[in-house]
Amino acid sequence: MTYDIIEFNKVIRVLYDYGLAEPDMSPTEYTESRGYSMHSCVHAWTRHVLNEIESNDLAQLAIIYVSLKIPKNTEQKYYTLQRRLLGHAAFCSTTILNGTPVTKGEEWTLKGLGDLFRNMALFQEAEAMYKRALQGEEKALGPAPCISVHCRAERRYLGNLYRDQGRIQEAETLYRRALQGYEKAIAENITPSIGSLENMEDFAKFQVQQGKTHEARSLYIRCQEGLKAVLGIEHSRYKAMTREIELLSEDGGR
């Protein structure tokens, strides 16, 4: 541990002179400090010699840490940090697929890794993470129409991925299964979540793309009713949904 920048630079200089650390040579457009990293040879040595016996605890910690750093697409220059994290995410994904269990309660990490791969157009890797997340939910709750918010969301994410790839039938199947879970939750007097309503909205957009405007309008209206119950009629999302229905009605009437 160093106490100030001068002391830090002294320590780094020693590590650099002995080839143990190297400066980050990433382009200056990156959003974070360029900083320093362990030399690649030293990193390989720690993995294959020093840590010859792999630790699930450390692997799980790495999965959580990498997932926490994945930026949302709304953040400034998110793509630069996503590129920087891609190698780490790939290693985490391989670790998971090779049998390292995701820590209970941290299943959200699978969705984060899937989102990163999807944004980088690595659809096969994204599908593997989304499927692993969905399998975990279905294993715990069963494959029947699922009222779990997470289960419905994971079907939605996988459905969106299939939609982007043009896998229409598979996408529609997942959207409908997520919708069945929503309907089951409503029947049990469970207040709809924003995630459930977003799934319905995605399904409506999908139906518009398929030219099924009547089905899309019906879904938009149900989504509007849910937004009214959850957010109220003055909320911007409710008003945006109202405009979407009006536009769809105008297009359908032409």
C-alpha atoms as a PDB file:
ATOM      1  CA  MET A   1       0.000   0.000   0.000  1.00  0.00           C
ATOM      2  CA  THR A   2       1.370   3.423  -0.917  1.00  0.00           C
ATOM      3  CA  TYR A   3       0.597   6.715   0.800  1.00  0.00           C
ATOM      4  CA  ASP A   4       0.931   9.252  -2.026  1.00  0.00           C
ATOM      5  CA  ILE A   5       1.645   9.547  -5.738  1.00  0.00           C
ATOM      6  CA  ILE A   6       5.402   9.948  -5.212  1.00  0.00           C
ATOM      7  CA  GLU A   7       5.631   6.747  -3.188  1.00  0.00           C
ATOM      8  CA  PHE A   8       3.399   4.980  -5.705  1.00  0.00           C
ATOM      9  CA  ASN A   9       5.648   5.993  -8.606  1.00  0.00           C
ATOM     10  CA  LYS A  10       8.722   4.717  -6.743  1.00  0.00           C
ATOM     11  CA  VAL A  11       7.120   1.318  -6.220  1.00  0.00           C
ATOM     12  CA  ILE A  12       5.909   1.110  -9.815  1.00  0.00           C
ATOM     13  CA  ARG A  13       9.379   2.044 -11.082  1.00  0.00           C
ATOM     14  CA  VAL A  14      10.907  -0.913  -9.219  1.00  0.00           C
ATOM     15  CA  LEU A  15       8.244  -3.304 -10.508  1.00  0.00           C
ATOM     16  CA  TYR A  16       8.691  -1.949 -14.040  1.00  0.00           C
ATOM     17  CA  ASP A  17      12.504  -2.250 -13.900  1.00  0.00           C
ATOM     18  CA  TYR A  18      12.181  -5.917 -12.971  1.00  0.00           C
ATOM     19  CA  GLY A  19       9.594  -6.571 -15.677  1.00  0.00           C
ATOM     20  CA  LEU A  20       6.810  -7.301 -13.210  1.00  0.00           C
ATOM     21  CA  ALA A  21       4.498  -4.479 -14.297  1.00  0.00           C
ATOM     22  CA  GLU A  22       3.875  -2.578 -17.497  1.00  0.00           C
ATOM     23  CA  PRO A  23       2.019   0.627 -18.361  1.00  0.00           C
ATOM     24  CA  ASP A  24      -1.362   0.376 -20.014  1.00  0.00           C
ATOM     25  CA  MET A  25      -0.835   1.431 -23.629  1.00  0.00           C
ATOM     26  CA  SER A  26      -4.542   1.644 -24.450  1.00  0.00           C
ATOM     27  CA  PRO A  27      -5.671   4.618 -26.576  1.00  0.00           C
ATOM     28  CA  THR A  28      -6.329   7.798 -24.622  1.00  0.00           C
ATOM     29  CA  GLU A  29     -10.032   7.690 -25.553  1.00  0.00           C
ATOM     30  CA  TYR A  30     -10.620   5.209 -22.741  1.00  0.00           C
ATOM     31  CA  THR A  31     -12.731   6.568 -19.944  1.00  0.00           C
ATOM     32  CA  GLU A  32     -10.634   5.323 -17.044  1.00  0.00           C
ATOM     33  CA  SER A  33      -7.076   5.938 -15.914  1.00  0.00           C
ATOM     34  CA  ARG A  34      -4.658   4.145 -18.216  1.00  0.00           C
ATOM     35  CA  GLY A  35      -2.689   2.978 -15.179  1.00  0.00           C
ATOM     36  CA  TYR A  36      -0.512  -0.136 -14.998  1.00  0.00           C
ATOM     37  CA  SER A  37      -1.054  -3.856 -15.183  1.00  0.00           C
ATOM     38  CA  MET A  38       0.760  -7.053 -14.333  1.00  0.00           C
ATOM     39  CA  HIS A  39       3.130  -8.118 -17.112  1.00  0.00           C
ATOM     40  CA  SER A  40       1.507 -10.779 -19.291  1.00  0.00           C
ATOM     41  CA  CYS A  41       4.279 -13.307 -18.573  1.00  0.00           C
ATOM     42  CA  VAL A  42       3.916 -12.786 -14.827  1.00  0.00           C
ATOM     43  CA  HIS A  43       0.159 -13.102 -15.170  1.00  0.00           C
ATOM     44  CA  ALA A  44       0.554 -16.420 -17.001  1.00  0.00           C
ATOM     45  CA  TRP A  45       2.967 -17.641 -14.311  1.00  0.00           C
ATOM     46  CA  THR A  46       0.539 -16.815 -11.502  1.00  0.00           C
ATOM     47  CA  ARG A  47      -2.233 -18.688 -13.310  1.00  0.00           C
ATOM     48  CA  HIS A  48      -0.367 -21.817 -14.360  1.00  0.00           C
ATOM     49  CA  VAL A  49       2.264 -22.186 -11.616  1.00  0.00           C
ATOM     50  CA  LEU A  50       1.447 -20.171  -8.524  1.00  0.00           C
ATOM     51  CA  ASN A  51      -2.294 -20.912  -8.714  1.00  0.00           C
ATOM     52  CA  GLU A  52      -2.034 -24.356 -10.248  1.00  0.00           C
ATOM     53  CA  ILE A  53      -5.085 -25.472  -8.266  1.00  0.00           C
ATOM     54  CA  GLU A  54      -7.939 -23.225  -9.347  1.00  0.00           C
ATOM     55  CA  SER A  55     -10.090 -21.633  -6.670  1.00  0.00           C
ATOM     56  CA  ASN A  56     -13.832 -21.391  -7.231  1.00  0.00           C
ATOM     57  CA  ASP A  57     -13.999 -18.578  -4.695  1.00  0.00           C
ATOM     58  CA  LEU A  58     -11.496 -16.454  -6.622  1.00  0.00           C
ATOM     59  CA  ALA A  59     -13.150 -17.298  -9.942  1.00  0.00           C
ATOM     60  CA  GLN A  60     -16.549 -16.263  -8.585  1.00  0.00           C
ATOM     61  CA  LEU A  61     -15.063 -13.037  -7.262  1.00  0.00           C
ATOM     62  CA  ALA A  62     -13.567 -12.299 -10.690  1.00  0.00           C
ATOM     63  CA  ILE A  63     -16.938 -12.929 -12.371  1.00  0.00           C
ATOM     64  CA  ILE A  64     -18.657 -10.490 -10.015  1.00  0.00           C
ATOM     65  CA  TYR A  65     -15.965  -7.823 -10.358  1.00  0.00           C
ATOM     66  CA  VAL A  66     -15.860  -7.951 -14.163  1.00  0.00           C
ATOM     67  CA  SER A  67     -19.667  -7.876 -14.370  1.00  0.00           C
ATOM     68  CA  LEU A  68     -19.831  -4.849 -12.075  1.00  0.00           C
ATOM     69  CA  LYS A  69     -17.535  -2.936 -14.428  1.00  0.00           C
ATOM     70  CA  ILE A  70     -19.613  -3.552 -17.573  1.00  0.00           C
ATOM     71  CA  PRO A  71     -21.072  -0.142 -18.515  1.00  0.00           C
ATOM     72  CA  LYS A  72     -24.588   0.472 -19.746  1.00  0.00           C
ATOM     73  CA  ASN A  73     -25.056   1.618 -23.323  1.00  0.00           C
ATOM     74  CA  THR A  74     -26.294   4.963 -22.035  1.00  0.00           C
ATOM     75  CA  GLU A  75     -22.929   5.796 -20.451  1.00  0.00           C
ATOM     76  CA  GLN A  76     -20.476   8.066 -22.242  1.00  0.00           C
ATOM     77  CA  LYS A  77     -18.027   6.139 -24.445  1.00  0.00           C
ATOM     78  CA  TYR A  78     -19.347   2.864 -23.076  1.00  0.00           C
ATOM     79  CA  TYR A  79     -17.946   0.986 -26.067  1.00  0.00           C
ATOM     80  CA  THR A  80     -14.348   1.728 -25.139  1.00  0.00           C
ATOM     81  CA  LEU A  81     -14.661   0.175 -21.696  1.00  0.00           C
ATOM     82  CA  GLN A  82     -16.608  -2.752 -23.145  1.00  0.00           C
ATOM     83  CA  ARG A  83     -13.740  -3.492 -25.533  1.00  0.00           C
ATOM     84  CA  ARG A  84     -11.310  -3.258 -22.653  1.00  0.00           C
ATOM     85  CA  LEU A  85     -13.320  -5.770 -20.611  1.00  0.00           C
ATOM     86  CA  LEU A  86     -13.935  -8.233 -23.426  1.00  0.00           C
ATOM     87  CA  GLY A  87     -10.919 -10.450 -22.747  1.00  0.00           C
ATOM     88  CA  HIS A  88     -11.744 -10.655 -19.046  1.00  0.00           C
ATOM     89  CA  ALA A  89     -15.388 -11.413 -19.845  1.00  0.00           C
ATOM     90  CA  ALA A  90     -14.366 -14.191 -22.233  1.00  0.00           C
ATOM     91  CA  PHE A  91     -12.266 -15.798 -19.500  1.00  0.00           C
ATOM     92  CA  CYS A  92     -15.171 -15.532 -17.027  1.00  0.00           C
ATOM     93  CA  SER A  93     -17.534 -17.091 -19.557  1.00  0.00           C
ATOM     94  CA  THR A  94     -15.161 -19.996 -20.187  1.00  0.00           C
ATOM     95  CA  THR A  95     -14.808 -20.507 -16.440  1.00  0.00           C
ATOM     96  CA  ILE A  96     -18.592 -20.663 -16.028  1.00  0.00           C
ATOM     97  CA  LEU A  97     -19.110 -23.037 -18.958  1.00  0.00           C
ATOM     98  CA  ASN A  98     -16.351 -25.280 -17.609  1.00  0.00           C
ATOM     99  CA  GLY A  99     -18.293 -25.808 -14.413  1.00  0.00           C
ATOM    100  CA  THR A 100     -17.556 -22.979 -11.988  1.00  0.00           C
ATOM    101  CA  PRO A 101     -20.899 -22.277 -10.282  1.00  0.00           C
ATOM    102  CA  VAL A 102     -22.162 -18.717 -10.121  1.00  0.00           C
ATOM    103  CA  THR A 103     -22.552 -17.551  -6.530  1.00  0.00           C
ATOM    104  CA  LYS A 104     -26.144 -17.808  -5.319  1.00  0.00           C
ATOM    105  CA  GLY A 105     -27.759 -14.397  -5.553  1.00  0.00           C
ATOM    106  CA  GLU A 106     -25.256 -13.227  -8.175  1.00  0.00           C
ATOM    107  CA  GLU A 107     -27.010 -14.693 -11.225  1.00  0.00           C
ATOM    108  CA  TRP A 108     -27.289 -11.156 -12.615  1.00  0.00           C
ATOM    109  CA  THR A 109     -23.641 -11.512 -13.637  1.00  0.00           C
ATOM    110  CA  LEU A 110     -24.679 -13.917 -16.411  1.00  0.00           C
ATOM    111  CA  LYS A 111     -26.983 -11.304 -17.885  1.00  0.00           C
ATOM    112  CA  GLY A 112     -24.223  -8.681 -17.706  1.00  0.00           C
ATOM    113  CA  LEU A 113     -21.754 -10.904 -19.541  1.00  0.00           C
ATOM    114  CA  GLY A 114     -24.424 -11.778 -22.106  1.00  0.00           C
ATOM    115  CA  ASP A 115     -25.161  -8.098 -22.719  1.00  0.00           C
ATOM    116  CA  LEU A 116     -21.474  -7.362 -23.253  1.00  0.00           C
ATOM    117  CA  PHE A 117     -21.086 -10.173 -25.783  1.00  0.00           C
ATOM    118  CA  ARG A 118     -24.278  -9.125 -27.564  1.00  0.00           C
ATOM    119  CA  ASN A 119     -23.067  -5.526 -27.865  1.00  0.00           C
ATOM    120  CA  MET A 120     -19.820  -6.815 -29.365  1.00  0.00           C
ATOM    121  CA  ALA A 121     -21.793  -8.967 -31.857  1.00  0.00           C
ATOM    122  CA  LEU A 122     -20.527 -12.175 -30.233  1.00  0.00           C
ATOM    123  CA  PHE A 123     -23.940 -13.790 -30.440  1.00  0.00           C
ATOM    124  CA  GLN A 124     -22.897 -17.358 -29.689  1.00  0.00           C
ATOM    125  CA  GLU A 125     -21.163 -16.304 -26.478  1.00  0.00           C
ATOM    126  CA  ALA A 126     -24.124 -14.092 -25.513  1.00  0.00           C
ATOM    127  CA  GLU A 127     -26.561 -16.948 -26.092  1.00  0.00           C
ATOM    128  CA  ALA A 128     -24.517 -19.245 -23.848  1.00  0.00           C
ATOM    129  CA  MET A 129     -24.690 -16.769 -20.947  1.00  0.00           C
ATOM    130  CA  TYR A 130     -28.398 -15.987 -21.371  1.00  0.00           C
ATOM    131  CA  LYS A 131     -29.206 -19.692 -21.589  1.00  0.00           C
ATOM    132  CA  ARG A 132     -27.192 -20.454 -18.473  1.00  0.00           C
ATOM    133  CA  ALA A 133     -29.113 -17.749 -16.594  1.00  0.00           C
ATOM    134  CA  LEU A 134     -32.460 -19.092 -17.819  1.00  0.00           C
ATOM    135  CA  GLN A 135     -31.511 -22.685 -17.024  1.00  0.00           C
ATOM    136  CA  GLY A 136     -30.683 -21.681 -13.472  1.00  0.00           C
ATOM    137  CA  GLU A 137     -34.088 -20.059 -12.986  1.00  0.00           C
ATOM    138  CA  GLU A 138     -35.967 -22.950 -14.580  1.00  0.00           C
ATOM    139  CA  LYS A 139     -34.035 -25.463 -12.501  1.00  0.00           C
ATOM    140  CA  ALA A 140     -35.107 -23.650  -9.350  1.00  0.00           C
ATOM    141  CA  LEU A 141     -38.687 -22.829 -10.371  1.00  0.00           C
ATOM    142  CA  GLY A 142     -39.550 -25.237 -13.175  1.00  0.00           C
ATOM    143  CA  PRO A 143     -40.066 -24.620 -16.920  1.00  0.00           C
ATOM    144  CA  ALA A 144     -43.800 -23.872 -16.613  1.00  0.00           C
ATOM    145  CA  PRO A 145     -45.041 -20.262 -16.988  1.00  0.00           C
ATOM    146  CA  CYS A 146     -42.831 -18.552 -14.458  1.00  0.00           C
ATOM    147  CA  ILE A 147     -43.906 -15.616 -12.299  1.00  0.00           C
ATOM    148  CA  SER A 148     -40.318 -14.858 -11.295  1.00  0.00           C
ATOM    149  CA  VAL A 149     -39.263 -11.415 -12.532  1.00  0.00           C
ATOM    150  CA  HIS A 150     -35.782 -12.743 -13.297  1.00  0.00           C
ATOM    151  CA  CYS A 151     -37.111 -15.720 -15.233  1.00  0.00           C
ATOM    152  CA  ARG A 152     -39.318 -13.537 -17.436  1.00  0.00           C
ATOM    153  CA  ALA A 153     -36.484 -11.060 -17.982  1.00  0.00           C
ATOM    154  CA  GLU A 154     -34.038 -13.768 -19.037  1.00  0.00           C
ATOM    155  CA  ARG A 155     -36.507 -15.094 -21.599  1.00  0.00           C
ATOM    156  CA  ARG A 156     -36.870 -11.548 -22.883  1.00  0.00           C
ATOM    157  CA  TYR A 157     -33.100 -11.012 -23.240  1.00  0.00           C
ATOM    158  CA  LEU A 158     -32.693 -14.303 -25.073  1.00  0.00           C
ATOM    159  CA  GLY A 159     -35.719 -13.462 -27.226  1.00  0.00           C
ATOM    160  CA  ASN A 160     -34.193 -10.108 -28.164  1.00  0.00           C
ATOM    161  CA  LEU A 161     -30.956 -11.854 -29.102  1.00  0.00           C
ATOM    162  CA  TYR A 162     -32.795 -14.287 -31.373  1.00  0.00           C
ATOM    163  CA  ARG A 163     -34.748 -11.388 -32.891  1.00  0.00           C
ATOM    164  CA  ASP A 164     -31.512  -9.567 -33.734  1.00  0.00           C
ATOM    165  CA  GLN A 165     -30.225 -12.720 -35.432  1.00  0.00           C
ATOM    166  CA  GLY A 166     -33.399 -13.204 -37.452  1.00  0.00           C
ATOM    167  CA  ARG A 167     -34.359 -16.357 -35.538  1.00  0.00           C
ATOM    168  CA  ILE A 168     -38.001 -15.333 -35.597  1.00  0.00           C
ATOM    169  CA  GLN A 169     -39.729 -18.499 -34.409  1.00  0.00           C
ATOM    170  CA  GLU A 170     -37.376 -18.985 -31.466  1.00  0.00           C
ATOM    171  CA  ALA A 171     -37.733 -15.330 -30.473  1.00  0.00           C
ATOM    172  CA  GLU A 172     -41.538 -15.458 -30.570  1.00  0.00           C
ATOM    173  CA  THR A 173     -41.594 -18.633 -28.477  1.00  0.00           C
ATOM    174  CA  LEU A 174     -39.575 -16.972 -25.725  1.00  0.00           C
ATOM    175  CA  TYR A 175     -41.610 -13.755 -25.819  1.00  0.00           C
ATOM    176  CA  ARG A 176     -44.813 -15.765 -25.455  1.00  0.00           C
ATOM    177  CA  ARG A 177     -43.435 -17.811 -22.567  1.00  0.00           C
ATOM    178  CA  ALA A 178     -42.422 -14.618 -20.782  1.00  0.00           C
ATOM    179  CA  LEU A 179     -45.906 -13.207 -21.445  1.00  0.00           C
ATOM    180  CA  GLN A 180     -47.492 -16.337 -19.966  1.00  0.00           C
ATOM    181  CA  GLY A 181     -45.464 -15.767 -16.813  1.00  0.00           C
ATOM    182  CA  TYR A 182     -46.740 -12.184 -16.665  1.00  0.00           C
ATOM    183  CA  GLU A 183     -50.342 -13.347 -17.074  1.00  0.00           C
ATOM    184  CA  LYS A 184     -49.894 -15.924 -14.332  1.00  0.00           C
ATOM    185  CA  ALA A 185     -48.495 -13.251 -12.008  1.00  0.00           C
ATOM    186  CA  ILE A 186     -51.455 -10.944 -12.726  1.00  0.00           C
ATOM    187  CA  ALA A 187     -53.877 -13.802 -12.056  1.00  0.00           C
ATOM    188  CA  GLU A 188     -52.233 -14.209  -8.644  1.00  0.00           C
ATOM    189  CA  ASN A 189     -52.653 -10.468  -7.945  1.00  0.00           C
ATOM    190  CA  ILE A 190     -48.931  -9.752  -8.186  1.00  0.00           C
ATOM    191  CA  THR A 191     -48.204  -6.144  -9.166  1.00  0.00           C
ATOM    192  CA  PRO A 192     -46.447  -6.046 -12.562  1.00  0.00           C
ATOM    193  CA  SER A 193     -42.805  -5.019 -12.566  1.00  0.00           C
ATOM    194  CA  ILE A 194     -41.207  -2.570 -14.974  1.00  0.00           C
ATOM    195  CA  GLY A 195     -39.168  -5.456 -16.384  1.00  0.00           C
ATOM    196  CA  SER A 196     -42.338  -7.424 -17.156  1.00  0.00           C
ATOM    197  CA  LEU A 197     -43.830  -4.431 -18.938  1.00  0.00           C
ATOM    198  CA  GLU A 198     -40.618  -3.908 -20.906  1.00  0.00           C
ATOM    199  CA  ASN A 199     -40.871  -7.522 -22.052  1.00  0.00           C
ATOM    200  CA  MET A 200     -44.395  -6.856 -23.285  1.00  0.00           C
ATOM    201  CA  GLU A 201     -43.203  -3.721 -25.070  1.00  0.00           C
ATOM    202  CA  ASP A 202     -40.384  -5.656 -26.761  1.00  0.00           C
ATOM    203  CA  PHE A 203     -42.889  -8.299 -27.858  1.00  0.00           C
ATOM    204  CA  ALA A 204     -45.131  -5.554 -29.278  1.00  0.00           C
ATOM    205  CA  LYS A 205     -42.217  -4.092 -31.257  1.00  0.00           C
ATOM    206  CA  PHE A 206     -41.431  -7.574 -32.517  1.00  0.00           C
ATOM    207  CA  GLN A 207     -45.032  -7.976 -33.700  1.00  0.00           C
ATOM    208  CA  VAL A 208     -44.851  -4.633 -35.513  1.00  0.00           C
ATOM    209  CA  GLN A 209     -41.720  -5.834 -37.323  1.00  0.00           C
ATOM    210  CA  GLN A 210     -43.642  -8.947 -38.367  1.00  0.00           C
ATOM    211  CA  GLY A 211     -46.503  -6.828 -39.704  1.00  0.00           C
ATOM    212  CA  LYS A 212     -48.906  -7.974 -36.971  1.00  0.00           C
ATOM    213  CA  THR A 213     -50.139  -4.513 -35.997  1.00  0.00           C
ATOM    214  CA  HIS A 214     -53.373  -5.706 -34.376  1.00  0.00           C
ATOM    215  CA  GLU A 215     -51.497  -8.005 -31.977  1.00  0.00           C
ATOM    216  CA  ALA A 216     -48.921  -5.285 -31.355  1.00  0.00           C
ATOM    217  CA  ARG A 217     -51.568  -2.707 -30.479  1.00  0.00           C
ATOM    218  CA  SER A 218     -53.202  -5.120 -28.035  1.00  0.00           C
ATOM    219  CA  LEU A 219     -49.855  -5.660 -26.301  1.00  0.00           C
ATOM    220  CA  TYR A 220     -49.135  -1.923 -26.191  1.00  0.00           C
ATOM    221  CA  ILE A 221     -52.522  -1.271 -24.562  1.00  0.00           C
ATOM    222  CA  ARG A 222     -51.872  -3.920 -21.906  1.00  0.00           C
ATOM    223  CA  CYS A 223     -48.445  -2.427 -21.313  1.00  0.00           C
ATOM    224  CA  GLN A 224     -50.007   1.024 -21.011  1.00  0.00           C
ATOM    225  CA  GLU A 225     -52.422  -0.263 -18.372  1.00  0.00           C
ATOM    226  CA  GLY A 226     -49.521  -1.737 -16.430  1.00  0.00           C
ATOM    227  CA  LEU A 227     -47.539   1.505 -16.615  1.00  0.00           C
ATOM    228  CA  LYS A 228     -50.577   3.385 -15.356  1.00  0.00           C
ATOM    229  CA  ALA A 229     -50.797   1.085 -12.337  1.00  0.00           C
ATOM    230  CA  VAL A 230     -47.081   1.204 -11.567  1.00  0.00           C
ATOM    231  CA  LEU A 231     -46.012   4.738 -12.562  1.00  0.00           C
ATOM    232  CA  GLY A 232     -49.177   6.781 -13.028  1.00  0.00           C
ATOM    233  CA  ILE A 233     -50.530   8.687 -16.018  1.00  0.00           C
ATOM    234  CA  GLU A 234     -48.196  11.660 -15.584  1.00  0.00           C
ATOM    235  CA  HIS A 235     -45.037   9.611 -16.017  1.00  0.00           C
ATOM    236  CA  SER A 236     -43.087  10.115 -19.249  1.00  0.00           C
ATOM    237  CA  ARG A 237     -43.076   6.393 -20.040  1.00  0.00           C
ATOM    238  CA  TYR A 238     -46.868   6.220 -19.818  1.00  0.00           C
ATOM    239  CA  LYS A 239     -47.187   9.227 -22.121  1.00  0.00           C
ATOM    240  CA  ALA A 240     -44.679   7.744 -24.580  1.00  0.00           C
ATOM    241  CA  MET A 241     -46.659   4.507 -24.661  1.00  0.00           C
ATOM    242  CA  THR A 242     -49.858   6.462 -25.321  1.00  0.00           C
ATOM    243  CA  ARG A 243     -48.210   8.173 -28.306  1.00  0.00           C
ATOM    244  CA  GLU A 244     -47.003   4.793 -29.594  1.00  0.00           C
ATOM    245  CA  ILE A 245     -50.557   3.438 -29.518  1.00  0.00           C
ATOM    246  CA  GLU A 246     -51.890   6.530 -31.290  1.00  0.00           C
ATOM    247  CA  LEU A 247     -49.277   6.260 -34.043  1.00  0.00           C
ATOM    248  CA  LEU A 248     -49.969   2.567 -34.497  1.00  0.00           C
ATOM    249  CA  SER A 249     -53.710   3.262 -34.689  1.00  0.00           C
ATOM    250  CA  GLU A 250     -53.118   5.935 -37.339  1.00  0.00           C
ATOM    251  CA  ASP A 251     -50.923   3.612 -39.396  1.00  0.00           C
ATOM    252  CA  GLY A 252     -53.450   0.810 -39.090  1.00  0.00           C
ATOM    253  CA  GLY A 253     -56.240   3.060 -40.268  1.00  0.00           C
ATOM    254  CA  ARG A 254     -54.553   4.031 -43.518  1.00  0.00           C
END
